[in-house]
């Protein structure tokens, strides 16, 4: 049985955040207040909290030749959903930190990945595996 995770994160503007997560990423909205919004993030609960002073630029580490933001979150999607999302984001003119591509080609853990920022600068990664069993392969 899979259990949804919960993640709370800071944002600098709730209106822009809601538009990004709801309209662009397709996340439905749950409970809201003047200081936070809950989203259904691909079956998981994320809570955007208005706290501009805590919004920070993520530092990076190199992974397979890319500078990956260390502080990031995202979802693992099936390949078709990942490809559709990549097309939608490209069509919307998203400025990718790391363009959609396949990482670790021909190796254990081969995966499609892409990184971009939300309006507050929070880094998001979406990935997909041709072989779902490779998610935790070592």
N, C-alpha and C. Protein backbone atom coordinates (compact mmCIF):
# COMPACT_ATOMS: atom_id res chain seq x y z
N UNK A 1 0.85 -1.18 0.00
CA UNK A 1 0.00 0.00 0.00
C UNK A 1 0.89 1.24 0.00
N UNK A 2 0.63 2.16 -0.90
CA UNK A 2 1.35 3.42 -0.93
C UNK A 2 0.66 4.42 -0.01
N UNK A 3 1.46 5.19 0.68
CA UNK A 3 0.93 6.21 1.58
C UNK A 3 1.33 7.58 1.04
N UNK A 4 0.37 8.49 0.90
CA UNK A 4 0.71 9.83 0.43
C UNK A 4 1.62 10.54 1.42
N UNK A 5 2.50 11.37 0.91
CA UNK A 5 3.34 12.18 1.79
C UNK A 5 2.72 13.56 1.91
N UNK A 6 3.19 14.30 2.91
CA UNK A 6 2.79 15.69 3.13
C UNK A 6 4.06 16.52 3.16
N UNK A 7 4.02 17.66 2.47
CA UNK A 7 5.16 18.56 2.46
C UNK A 7 4.65 19.99 2.57
N UNK A 8 5.19 20.75 3.49
CA UNK A 8 4.89 22.18 3.62
C UNK A 8 6.12 22.95 3.17
N UNK A 9 5.90 24.03 2.43
CA UNK A 9 7.03 24.80 1.89
C UNK A 9 6.66 26.28 1.82
N UNK A 10 7.67 27.16 1.88
CA UNK A 10 7.39 28.60 1.88
C UNK A 10 7.21 29.14 0.47
N UNK A 11 6.34 30.15 0.36
CA UNK A 11 6.15 30.86 -0.91
C UNK A 11 6.07 32.35 -0.62
N UNK A 12 6.30 33.12 -1.68
CA UNK A 12 6.29 34.57 -1.51
C UNK A 12 4.97 35.22 -1.93
N UNK A 13 4.12 34.48 -2.65
CA UNK A 13 2.85 35.04 -3.13
C UNK A 13 1.86 33.90 -3.33
N UNK A 14 0.73 33.94 -2.64
CA UNK A 14 -0.25 32.85 -2.75
C UNK A 14 -1.02 32.87 -4.06
N UNK A 15 -1.28 34.05 -4.62
CA UNK A 15 -2.03 34.13 -5.88
C UNK A 15 -1.23 33.49 -7.01
N UNK A 16 0.04 33.87 -7.14
CA UNK A 16 0.89 33.28 -8.19
C UNK A 16 1.09 31.79 -7.95
N UNK A 17 1.24 31.40 -6.69
CA UNK A 17 1.43 29.99 -6.35
C UNK A 17 0.22 29.18 -6.76
N UNK A 18 -0.96 29.67 -6.43
CA UNK A 18 -2.19 28.93 -6.77
C UNK A 18 -2.32 28.79 -8.29
N UNK A 19 -2.07 29.87 -9.01
CA UNK A 19 -2.18 29.83 -10.47
C UNK A 19 -1.20 28.79 -11.05
N UNK A 20 0.04 28.78 -10.56
CA UNK A 20 1.05 27.86 -11.04
C UNK A 20 0.67 26.41 -10.77
N UNK A 21 0.38 26.08 -9.51
CA UNK A 21 0.11 24.68 -9.15
C UNK A 21 -1.24 24.20 -9.66
N UNK A 22 -2.24 25.06 -9.62
CA UNK A 22 -3.58 24.65 -10.06
C UNK A 22 -3.69 24.67 -11.58
N UNK A 23 -3.36 25.80 -12.20
CA UNK A 23 -3.58 25.95 -13.64
C UNK A 23 -2.52 25.26 -14.49
N UNK A 24 -1.25 25.41 -14.14
CA UNK A 24 -0.20 24.84 -14.96
C UNK A 24 0.06 23.37 -14.65
N UNK A 25 0.18 23.02 -13.37
CA UNK A 25 0.48 21.63 -13.01
C UNK A 25 -0.77 20.77 -12.86
N UNK A 26 -1.94 21.39 -12.79
CA UNK A 26 -3.19 20.62 -12.71
C UNK A 26 -3.51 20.08 -11.33
N UNK A 27 -2.95 20.68 -10.28
CA UNK A 27 -3.21 20.24 -8.91
C UNK A 27 -4.53 20.83 -8.42
N UNK A 28 -5.40 19.98 -7.87
CA UNK A 28 -6.63 20.52 -7.30
C UNK A 28 -6.31 21.16 -5.95
N UNK A 29 -7.15 22.11 -5.57
CA UNK A 29 -6.96 22.86 -4.33
C UNK A 29 -7.81 22.24 -3.24
N UNK A 30 -7.20 22.09 -2.06
CA UNK A 30 -7.92 21.62 -0.88
C UNK A 30 -8.25 22.80 0.01
N UNK A 31 -7.94 22.67 1.28
CA UNK A 31 -8.22 23.74 2.23
C UNK A 31 -7.31 24.93 1.95
N UNK A 32 -7.82 26.12 2.26
CA UNK A 32 -7.05 27.35 2.06
C UNK A 32 -7.31 28.30 3.23
N UNK A 33 -6.41 29.24 3.38
CA UNK A 33 -6.60 30.34 4.32
C UNK A 33 -5.89 31.55 3.70
N UNK A 34 -5.82 32.62 4.44
CA UNK A 34 -5.10 33.80 3.96
C UNK A 34 -3.59 33.59 3.99
N UNK A 35 -3.11 32.52 4.64
CA UNK A 35 -1.68 32.29 4.82
C UNK A 35 -1.17 30.99 4.17
N UNK A 36 -2.06 30.11 3.70
CA UNK A 36 -1.61 28.85 3.10
C UNK A 36 -2.67 28.26 2.17
N UNK A 37 -2.20 27.35 1.30
CA UNK A 37 -3.07 26.61 0.39
C UNK A 37 -2.59 25.17 0.36
N UNK A 38 -3.54 24.22 0.49
CA UNK A 38 -3.24 22.80 0.30
C UNK A 38 -3.54 22.42 -1.14
N UNK A 39 -2.65 21.62 -1.74
CA UNK A 39 -2.84 21.12 -3.09
C UNK A 39 -2.78 19.60 -3.11
N UNK A 40 -3.55 19.00 -4.01
CA UNK A 40 -3.42 17.58 -4.32
C UNK A 40 -2.33 17.49 -5.38
N UNK A 41 -1.15 17.11 -4.98
CA UNK A 41 0.04 17.06 -5.83
C UNK A 41 0.26 15.61 -6.26
N UNK A 42 -0.47 15.21 -7.31
CA UNK A 42 -0.36 13.85 -7.84
C UNK A 42 -0.61 12.80 -6.76
N UNK A 43 -1.63 13.04 -5.95
CA UNK A 43 -2.01 12.10 -4.90
C UNK A 43 -1.37 12.36 -3.55
N UNK A 44 -0.57 13.40 -3.45
CA UNK A 44 0.10 13.76 -2.20
C UNK A 44 -0.35 15.15 -1.78
N UNK A 45 -0.24 15.44 -0.50
CA UNK A 45 -0.68 16.74 0.01
C UNK A 45 0.53 17.65 0.19
N UNK A 46 0.52 18.76 -0.53
CA UNK A 46 1.53 19.78 -0.30
C UNK A 46 0.83 21.05 0.17
N UNK A 47 1.50 21.77 1.06
CA UNK A 47 0.92 22.99 1.63
C UNK A 47 1.88 24.15 1.39
N UNK A 48 1.41 25.11 0.61
CA UNK A 48 2.20 26.32 0.33
C UNK A 48 1.86 27.35 1.41
N UNK A 49 2.87 27.74 2.18
CA UNK A 49 2.68 28.70 3.26
C UNK A 49 3.31 30.04 2.88
N UNK A 50 2.53 31.10 3.05
CA UNK A 50 3.03 32.44 2.77
C UNK A 50 4.07 32.82 3.82
N UNK A 51 5.33 32.79 3.41
CA UNK A 51 6.45 33.08 4.30
C UNK A 51 7.63 33.54 3.45
N UNK A 52 7.50 34.73 2.82
CA UNK A 52 8.52 35.19 1.87
C UNK A 52 9.93 35.24 2.44
N UNK A 53 10.06 35.51 3.72
CA UNK A 53 11.40 35.59 4.31
C UNK A 53 12.10 34.23 4.39
N UNK A 54 11.37 33.14 4.18
CA UNK A 54 11.98 31.81 4.20
C UNK A 54 12.23 31.25 2.80
N UNK A 55 11.85 31.97 1.77
CA UNK A 55 12.10 31.51 0.40
C UNK A 55 13.58 31.71 0.09
N UNK A 56 14.28 30.63 -0.22
CA UNK A 56 15.72 30.67 -0.47
C UNK A 56 16.06 30.05 -1.81
N UNK A 57 17.16 30.50 -2.39
CA UNK A 57 17.67 29.89 -3.61
C UNK A 57 18.41 28.60 -3.24
N UNK A 58 18.05 27.50 -3.89
CA UNK A 58 18.68 26.22 -3.59
C UNK A 58 20.10 26.16 -4.14
N UNK A 59 20.98 25.56 -3.37
CA UNK A 59 22.34 25.27 -3.83
C UNK A 59 22.28 24.00 -4.66
N UNK A 60 23.34 23.74 -5.44
CA UNK A 60 23.32 22.59 -6.34
C UNK A 60 24.45 21.60 -6.07
N UNK A 61 24.23 20.37 -6.53
CA UNK A 61 25.23 19.30 -6.58
C UNK A 61 25.20 18.74 -7.99
N UNK A 62 26.33 18.24 -8.45
CA UNK A 62 26.37 17.63 -9.78
C UNK A 62 25.82 16.20 -9.72
N UNK A 63 24.91 15.89 -10.64
CA UNK A 63 24.37 14.55 -10.80
C UNK A 63 24.35 14.25 -12.29
N UNK A 64 25.11 13.28 -12.72
CA UNK A 64 25.16 12.85 -14.11
C UNK A 64 25.36 14.04 -15.06
N UNK A 65 26.24 14.96 -14.68
CA UNK A 65 26.58 16.10 -15.53
C UNK A 65 25.68 17.31 -15.39
N UNK A 66 24.63 17.23 -14.58
CA UNK A 66 23.72 18.36 -14.38
C UNK A 66 23.93 18.95 -12.99
N UNK A 67 23.73 20.26 -12.86
CA UNK A 67 23.74 20.92 -11.56
C UNK A 67 22.33 20.87 -10.98
N UNK A 68 22.10 19.91 -10.10
CA UNK A 68 20.77 19.64 -9.54
C UNK A 68 20.58 20.45 -8.26
N UNK A 69 19.46 21.19 -8.16
CA UNK A 69 19.17 21.89 -6.91
C UNK A 69 19.02 20.88 -5.78
N UNK A 70 19.78 21.06 -4.71
CA UNK A 70 19.75 20.11 -3.60
C UNK A 70 18.37 20.13 -2.94
N UNK A 71 17.86 21.30 -2.65
CA UNK A 71 16.53 21.40 -2.02
C UNK A 71 15.50 21.44 -3.14
N UNK A 72 14.79 20.34 -3.32
CA UNK A 72 13.74 20.27 -4.33
C UNK A 72 12.74 19.18 -3.94
N UNK A 73 11.59 19.22 -4.60
CA UNK A 73 10.61 18.15 -4.43
C UNK A 73 9.92 17.96 -5.76
N UNK A 74 9.16 16.90 -5.86
CA UNK A 74 8.47 16.63 -7.11
C UNK A 74 7.70 15.35 -7.03
N UNK A 75 7.46 14.74 -8.19
CA UNK A 75 6.69 13.51 -8.25
C UNK A 75 7.30 12.59 -9.30
N UNK A 76 7.12 11.30 -9.06
CA UNK A 76 7.48 10.29 -10.04
C UNK A 76 6.20 9.92 -10.78
N UNK A 77 6.20 10.15 -12.08
CA UNK A 77 5.02 9.93 -12.91
C UNK A 77 5.25 8.74 -13.83
N UNK A 78 4.16 8.24 -14.41
CA UNK A 78 4.36 7.25 -15.47
C UNK A 78 4.89 8.00 -16.69
N UNK A 79 5.52 7.29 -17.60
CA UNK A 79 6.22 7.94 -18.71
C UNK A 79 5.28 8.79 -19.58
N UNK A 80 4.10 8.31 -19.86
CA UNK A 80 3.16 9.08 -20.69
C UNK A 80 2.75 10.39 -20.03
N UNK A 81 2.49 10.35 -18.73
CA UNK A 81 2.12 11.56 -18.00
C UNK A 81 3.30 12.52 -17.94
N UNK A 82 4.51 11.98 -17.74
CA UNK A 82 5.72 12.81 -17.72
C UNK A 82 5.90 13.52 -19.06
N UNK A 83 5.77 12.78 -20.14
CA UNK A 83 5.93 13.36 -21.48
C UNK A 83 4.89 14.45 -21.74
N UNK A 84 3.64 14.20 -21.34
CA UNK A 84 2.57 15.21 -21.51
C UNK A 84 2.86 16.46 -20.70
N UNK A 85 3.33 16.28 -19.47
CA UNK A 85 3.66 17.42 -18.62
C UNK A 85 4.82 18.21 -19.23
N UNK A 86 5.84 17.52 -19.70
CA UNK A 86 6.99 18.20 -20.33
C UNK A 86 6.53 19.04 -21.53
N UNK A 87 5.65 18.48 -22.35
CA UNK A 87 5.12 19.22 -23.50
C UNK A 87 4.32 20.44 -23.06
N UNK A 88 3.47 20.27 -22.02
CA UNK A 88 2.66 21.38 -21.53
C UNK A 88 3.55 22.50 -20.98
N UNK A 89 4.57 22.13 -20.22
CA UNK A 89 5.49 23.12 -19.65
C UNK A 89 6.28 23.83 -20.74
N UNK A 90 6.76 23.09 -21.73
CA UNK A 90 7.48 23.70 -22.85
C UNK A 90 6.57 24.67 -23.59
N UNK A 91 5.31 24.27 -23.81
CA UNK A 91 4.34 25.12 -24.49
C UNK A 91 4.02 26.38 -23.71
N UNK A 92 4.12 26.29 -22.36
CA UNK A 92 3.85 27.45 -21.50
C UNK A 92 5.08 28.34 -21.36
N UNK A 93 6.20 27.93 -21.96
CA UNK A 93 7.42 28.74 -21.90
C UNK A 93 8.16 28.67 -20.58
N UNK A 94 8.01 27.55 -19.86
CA UNK A 94 8.73 27.40 -18.59
C UNK A 94 10.23 27.44 -18.86
N UNK A 95 10.94 28.15 -18.00
CA UNK A 95 12.40 28.23 -18.08
C UNK A 95 12.96 27.08 -17.24
N UNK A 96 13.35 26.00 -17.88
CA UNK A 96 13.85 24.83 -17.17
C UNK A 96 15.24 25.08 -16.59
N UNK A 97 15.45 24.63 -15.37
CA UNK A 97 16.79 24.59 -14.78
C UNK A 97 17.56 23.47 -15.48
N UNK A 98 16.88 22.33 -15.63
CA UNK A 98 17.42 21.18 -16.34
C UNK A 98 16.33 20.74 -17.32
N UNK A 99 16.65 20.80 -18.59
CA UNK A 99 15.70 20.45 -19.66
C UNK A 99 15.24 19.00 -19.52
N UNK A 100 14.02 18.70 -19.97
CA UNK A 100 13.56 17.31 -19.96
C UNK A 100 14.52 16.43 -20.78
N UNK A 101 14.98 15.38 -20.15
CA UNK A 101 15.88 14.43 -20.82
C UNK A 101 15.95 13.14 -20.01
N UNK A 102 16.67 12.15 -20.57
CA UNK A 102 16.86 10.87 -19.88
C UNK A 102 18.24 10.88 -19.24
N UNK A 103 18.27 10.57 -17.97
CA UNK A 103 19.51 10.52 -17.17
C UNK A 103 19.87 9.05 -16.91
N UNK A 104 21.15 8.78 -16.76
CA UNK A 104 21.68 7.44 -16.49
C UNK A 104 21.30 6.45 -17.59
N UNK A 105 21.35 6.89 -18.85
CA UNK A 105 20.98 6.04 -19.98
C UNK A 105 21.75 4.72 -19.95
N UNK A 106 21.00 3.63 -20.06
CA UNK A 106 21.59 2.30 -20.10
C UNK A 106 22.12 1.80 -18.77
N UNK A 107 21.92 2.58 -17.70
CA UNK A 107 22.42 2.20 -16.38
C UNK A 107 21.25 1.87 -15.45
N UNK A 108 21.61 1.31 -14.30
CA UNK A 108 20.60 1.10 -13.25
C UNK A 108 20.02 2.46 -12.89
N UNK A 109 18.72 2.53 -12.77
CA UNK A 109 18.08 3.79 -12.40
C UNK A 109 17.84 4.75 -13.55
N UNK A 110 17.93 4.27 -14.80
CA UNK A 110 17.65 5.15 -15.95
C UNK A 110 16.30 5.82 -15.75
N UNK A 111 16.26 7.14 -15.98
CA UNK A 111 15.04 7.89 -15.71
C UNK A 111 14.93 9.14 -16.57
N UNK A 112 13.71 9.49 -16.89
CA UNK A 112 13.44 10.78 -17.52
C UNK A 112 13.30 11.78 -16.38
N UNK A 113 13.86 12.99 -16.57
CA UNK A 113 13.82 13.99 -15.51
C UNK A 113 13.73 15.39 -16.10
N UNK A 114 13.23 16.30 -15.31
CA UNK A 114 13.22 17.72 -15.65
C UNK A 114 13.11 18.51 -14.35
N UNK A 115 13.74 19.69 -14.34
CA UNK A 115 13.72 20.57 -13.18
C UNK A 115 13.29 21.97 -13.62
N UNK A 116 12.49 22.62 -12.79
CA UNK A 116 12.09 24.01 -13.02
C UNK A 116 11.68 24.61 -11.69
N UNK A 117 11.47 25.91 -11.69
CA UNK A 117 11.13 26.63 -10.46
C UNK A 117 9.66 27.04 -10.44
N UNK A 118 9.09 27.06 -9.24
CA UNK A 118 7.76 27.65 -9.10
C UNK A 118 7.94 29.17 -8.98
N UNK A 119 6.87 29.95 -8.90
CA UNK A 119 7.01 31.41 -8.86
C UNK A 119 7.81 31.95 -7.68
N UNK A 120 7.96 31.15 -6.61
CA UNK A 120 8.74 31.59 -5.45
C UNK A 120 10.18 31.10 -5.50
N UNK A 121 10.53 30.38 -6.55
CA UNK A 121 11.90 29.88 -6.69
C UNK A 121 12.12 28.51 -6.07
N UNK A 122 11.05 27.84 -5.65
CA UNK A 122 11.18 26.47 -5.15
C UNK A 122 11.43 25.55 -6.34
N UNK A 123 12.46 24.72 -6.23
CA UNK A 123 12.83 23.82 -7.33
C UNK A 123 11.96 22.57 -7.29
N UNK A 124 11.46 22.20 -8.46
CA UNK A 124 10.66 20.99 -8.61
C UNK A 124 11.32 20.06 -9.61
N UNK A 125 11.27 18.76 -9.33
CA UNK A 125 11.74 17.75 -10.26
C UNK A 125 10.60 16.79 -10.52
N UNK A 126 10.38 16.51 -11.78
CA UNK A 126 9.45 15.45 -12.16
C UNK A 126 10.25 14.42 -12.91
N UNK A 127 10.01 13.15 -12.57
CA UNK A 127 10.76 12.09 -13.22
C UNK A 127 9.83 10.93 -13.55
N UNK A 128 10.33 10.04 -14.41
CA UNK A 128 9.60 8.84 -14.80
C UNK A 128 10.62 7.76 -15.14
N UNK A 129 10.23 6.53 -14.93
CA UNK A 129 11.07 5.37 -15.22
C UNK A 129 10.36 4.48 -16.23
N UNK A 130 11.09 3.99 -17.23
CA UNK A 130 10.51 2.99 -18.13
C UNK A 130 10.19 1.73 -17.34
N UNK A 131 11.07 1.40 -16.40
CA UNK A 131 10.90 0.23 -15.53
C UNK A 131 10.72 0.74 -14.11
N UNK A 132 9.47 0.71 -13.64
CA UNK A 132 9.14 1.23 -12.31
C UNK A 132 9.96 0.57 -11.21
N UNK A 133 10.40 -0.68 -11.43
CA UNK A 133 11.21 -1.41 -10.44
C UNK A 133 12.59 -0.79 -10.26
N UNK A 134 12.98 0.14 -11.12
CA UNK A 134 14.28 0.77 -11.02
C UNK A 134 14.32 1.95 -10.03
N UNK A 135 13.18 2.34 -9.50
CA UNK A 135 13.13 3.50 -8.60
C UNK A 135 14.09 3.37 -7.44
N UNK A 136 14.12 2.20 -6.82
CA UNK A 136 14.99 2.00 -5.65
C UNK A 136 16.15 1.05 -5.94
N UNK A 137 16.44 0.83 -7.22
CA UNK A 137 17.54 -0.08 -7.59
C UNK A 137 18.88 0.55 -7.18
N UNK A 138 19.82 -0.31 -6.83
CA UNK A 138 21.15 0.19 -6.44
C UNK A 138 22.22 -0.36 -7.35
